[in-house]
Protein backbone atom coordinates (compact mmCIF):
# COMPACT_ATOMS: atom_id res chain seq x y z
CA MET A 1 -35.29 -5.84 11.72
CA ALA A 2 -34.98 -9.03 9.65
CA ALA A 3 -36.79 -7.36 6.73
CA MET A 4 -34.35 -4.44 6.86
CA ALA A 5 -31.37 -6.84 6.83
CA ALA A 6 -32.89 -8.71 3.89
CA GLY A 7 -33.30 -5.42 2.03
CA LYS A 8 -29.68 -4.53 2.64
CA GLU A 9 -28.56 -7.94 1.39
CA GLU A 10 -30.68 -7.56 -1.75
CA GLU A 11 -29.11 -4.15 -2.41
CA ALA A 12 -25.65 -5.61 -1.76
CA GLN A 13 -26.31 -8.45 -4.21
CA ARG A 14 -27.49 -5.94 -6.83
CA LEU A 15 -24.22 -4.00 -6.34
CA LEU A 16 -22.18 -7.20 -6.67
CA ASN A 17 -23.93 -7.99 -9.95
CA GLU A 18 -23.25 -4.45 -11.14
CA ALA A 19 -19.56 -4.79 -10.20
CA GLU A 20 -19.27 -8.07 -12.11
CA ARG A 21 -20.95 -6.49 -15.15
CA ARG A 22 -18.46 -3.62 -15.08
CA LEU A 23 -15.57 -6.07 -14.75
CA ARG A 24 -16.73 -7.99 -17.81
CA GLY A 25 -16.89 -4.70 -19.71
CA ALA A 26 -13.37 -3.76 -18.61
CA ARG A 27 -12.01 -7.14 -19.76
CA SER A 28 -13.58 -6.97 -23.20
CA PHE A 29 -11.49 -5.84 -26.17
CA LEU A 30 -13.39 -2.58 -26.61
CA GLY A 31 -13.46 -2.02 -22.86
CA GLY A 32 -9.68 -2.24 -22.79
CA LEU A 33 -9.42 0.32 -25.56
CA PHE A 34 -11.99 2.72 -24.17
CA GLY A 35 -11.77 3.29 -20.45
CA GLY A 36 -10.93 -0.12 -19.01
CA SER A 37 -9.35 1.42 -15.92
CA SER A 38 -12.37 3.62 -15.20
CA ARG A 39 -14.56 0.50 -15.34
CA LEU A 40 -12.22 -1.17 -12.84
CA GLU A 41 -12.57 1.85 -10.56
CA GLU A 42 -16.35 1.70 -10.89
CA ALA A 43 -16.34 -2.04 -10.16
CA SER A 44 -14.15 -1.49 -7.10
CA ASP A 45 -16.54 1.20 -5.88
CA CYS A 46 -19.49 -1.18 -6.36
CA PHE A 47 -17.71 -3.91 -4.39
CA THR A 48 -17.00 -1.45 -1.57
CA ARG A 49 -20.61 -0.26 -1.47
CA ALA A 50 -21.82 -3.87 -1.50
CA ALA A 51 -19.46 -4.70 1.35
CA ASN A 52 -20.88 -1.85 3.42
CA MET A 53 -24.43 -3.09 2.73
CA PHE A 54 -23.42 -6.59 3.83
CA LYS A 55 -21.94 -5.07 7.00
CA MET A 56 -25.26 -3.37 7.74
CA ALA A 57 -26.99 -6.71 7.25
CA LYS A 58 -24.36 -8.30 9.55
CA ASN A 59 -23.31 -10.73 6.82
CA TRP A 60 -19.62 -10.54 7.77
CA SER A 61 -18.36 -13.23 5.43
CA GLN A 62 -19.86 -11.59 2.33
CA ALA A 63 -18.71 -8.16 3.51
CA GLY A 64 -15.14 -9.39 3.89
CA ALA A 65 -15.20 -11.06 0.48
CA ALA A 66 -16.50 -7.90 -1.21
CA PHE A 67 -13.90 -5.69 0.51
CA SER A 68 -11.22 -8.16 -0.55
CA ARG A 69 -12.37 -8.03 -4.19
CA ALA A 70 -12.30 -4.22 -4.07
CA ALA A 71 -8.76 -4.35 -2.68
CA GLN A 72 -7.58 -6.64 -5.46
CA LEU A 73 -8.99 -4.28 -8.08
CA GLN A 74 -7.28 -1.34 -6.41
CA LEU A 75 -3.98 -3.22 -6.65
CA GLN A 76 -4.58 -3.68 -10.39
CA LEU A 77 -5.14 0.08 -10.60
CA GLN A 78 -1.84 0.71 -8.73
CA SER A 79 -3.72 2.42 -5.90
CA LYS A 80 -1.84 0.82 -3.02
CA HIS A 81 -3.25 2.98 -0.23
CA ASP A 82 -6.87 2.29 -1.21
CA ALA A 83 -6.06 -1.42 -1.55
CA ALA A 84 -4.57 -1.51 1.95
CA VAL A 85 -7.60 0.29 3.41
CA ASN A 86 -9.92 -2.25 1.77
CA PHE A 87 -7.82 -5.17 3.04
CA VAL A 88 -8.05 -3.74 6.58
CA ASP A 89 -11.83 -3.42 6.20
CA ALA A 90 -11.97 -7.00 4.89
CA GLY A 91 -9.92 -8.19 7.85
CA ASN A 92 -12.22 -6.43 10.29
CA ALA A 93 -15.28 -8.01 8.67
CA PHE A 94 -13.71 -11.47 8.57
CA LYS A 95 -12.83 -11.21 12.28
CA LYS A 96 -16.46 -12.03 12.99
CA SER A 97 -16.76 -14.99 10.62
CA ASP A 98 -13.38 -16.38 9.53
CA PRO A 99 -10.41 -15.52 11.79
CA GLN A 100 -7.82 -17.10 9.47
CA GLU A 101 -9.02 -15.07 6.51
CA ALA A 102 -8.97 -11.97 8.74
CA VAL A 103 -5.30 -12.66 9.48
CA ASN A 104 -4.57 -13.13 5.77
CA CYS A 105 -6.21 -9.82 4.85
CA LEU A 106 -4.51 -7.88 7.63
CA LEU A 107 -1.12 -9.37 6.70
CA ARG A 108 -1.69 -8.30 3.11
CA ALA A 109 -2.52 -4.76 4.27
CA THR A 110 0.62 -4.70 6.41
CA GLU A 111 2.69 -5.82 3.45
CA ILE A 112 1.32 -3.01 1.30
CA TYR A 113 1.85 -0.37 3.98
CA THR A 114 5.41 -1.60 4.54
CA ASP A 115 6.18 -1.43 0.81
CA MET A 116 4.85 2.13 0.77
CA ALA A 117 7.02 3.05 3.80
CA ILE A 118 10.10 1.57 2.12
CA ALA A 119 9.50 3.64 -1.00
CA HIS A 120 9.15 6.82 1.04
CA TYR A 121 12.29 6.14 3.08
CA GLU A 122 14.25 5.45 -0.12
CA GLN A 123 12.99 8.69 -1.60
CA ALA A 124 13.95 10.60 1.55
CA ALA A 125 17.44 9.04 1.45
CA ASP A 126 17.83 10.21 -2.16
CA TYR A 127 16.84 13.73 -1.18
CA TYR A 128 19.29 13.75 1.73
CA LYS A 129 22.07 12.46 -0.53
CA GLY A 130 21.30 15.28 -2.94
CA GLU A 131 21.73 17.74 -0.09
CA GLU A 132 25.05 16.13 0.97
CA SER A 133 23.48 15.05 4.27
CA THR A 134 25.01 11.58 4.45
CA SER A 135 24.09 10.94 8.08
CA SER A 136 20.38 11.56 7.52
CA ALA A 137 20.47 9.57 4.28
CA ASN A 138 22.04 6.63 6.12
CA LYS A 139 19.36 6.77 8.83
CA CYS A 140 16.69 6.48 6.14
CA LEU A 141 18.57 3.66 4.43
CA LEU A 142 18.86 1.78 7.73
CA LYS A 143 15.06 1.98 8.09
CA VAL A 144 14.73 0.53 4.58
CA ALA A 145 17.14 -2.28 5.50
CA ALA A 146 15.17 -3.08 8.66
CA PHE A 147 11.90 -3.24 6.73
CA ALA A 148 13.55 -5.36 4.02
CA ALA A 149 14.84 -7.80 6.64
CA GLN A 150 11.35 -8.05 8.17
CA LEU A 151 9.93 -8.86 4.74
CA GLU A 152 12.68 -11.44 4.28
CA GLN A 153 14.24 -9.46 1.44
CA PHE A 154 17.67 -10.34 2.79
CA PRO A 155 19.84 -9.52 -0.26
CA ARG A 156 18.42 -6.00 -0.29
CA ALA A 157 19.02 -5.60 3.46
CA ILE A 158 22.56 -6.97 3.15
CA ASP A 159 23.43 -4.49 0.39
CA ILE A 160 22.18 -1.55 2.44
CA TYR A 161 23.88 -2.61 5.69
CA GLU A 162 27.18 -3.18 3.89
CA GLN A 163 26.87 0.12 2.02
CA VAL A 164 26.17 2.08 5.22
CA GLY A 165 28.94 0.17 7.03
CA ALA A 166 31.45 1.08 4.31
CA VAL A 167 30.48 4.77 4.54
CA ALA A 168 30.83 4.61 8.32
CA MET A 169 34.32 3.07 8.02
CA ASP A 170 35.49 6.13 6.09
CA SER A 171 34.35 8.57 8.78
CA PRO A 172 36.39 9.03 11.97
CA LEU A 173 33.21 9.81 13.90
CA LEU A 174 31.11 6.96 12.54
CA LYS A 175 33.68 4.16 12.28
CA TYR A 176 32.70 2.69 15.66
CA GLY A 177 29.15 2.16 14.44
CA ALA A 178 30.38 0.30 11.35
CA LYS A 179 30.70 -2.93 13.36
CA GLU A 180 26.98 -2.92 14.08
CA HIS A 181 26.08 -2.45 10.41
CA PHE A 182 28.37 -5.25 9.31
CA LEU A 183 27.00 -7.48 12.10
CA ARG A 184 23.46 -6.89 10.83
CA ALA A 185 24.62 -7.71 7.30
CA ALA A 186 26.20 -10.93 8.61
CA LEU A 187 22.96 -11.86 10.39
CA CYS A 188 21.05 -11.36 7.15
CA HIS A 189 23.65 -13.51 5.37
CA CYS A 190 23.00 -16.22 7.98
CA CYS A 191 19.33 -16.16 7.09
CA VAL A 192 20.21 -16.75 3.46
CA ASP A 193 23.15 -19.07 3.75
CA THR A 194 25.66 -19.86 6.52
CA LEU A 195 28.49 -20.09 3.99
CA ASN A 196 27.85 -16.47 2.92
CA ALA A 197 27.95 -15.35 6.56
CA ARG A 198 31.43 -16.85 7.04
């Protein structure tokens, strides 16, 4: 069993070396001109494979570190979903060796997933506005505002709450809900500055 684990670690180390070699090639001048992003993808794939080998060898710390490196490369490649998946895998590996690093990785994954959700809700709101469906658009915008407030993006949340509140004020059916939207905007103002809230 120990020999098998040692073999897996050797294979993982070989994959790490291969990933570093590909990274150096991507950073070189010619690598940047000719396929730098494909080398980053290949390096990310090597880090992921190495992480899985480390997992099989039960070397949780090295597995988490390799998954984390793969996630960072995926962020450079603008592949948010893959980056989040790798951060979750890193967090799960670090749970067994470094709980604080596990928390950091899982928080990073949550941040990425939340950013992706915000983008999709904003897109849905735009589509609803295009179809003259103001109520559905406002529901999507309120989700965006809630996510923004959770991420402490208070100015963004304030703008949305005030915008939706103003739309609600103009509608006889929605004007009673306007108070809630303006209250939420005021609460976000309080988080930024008490003078703004007044």
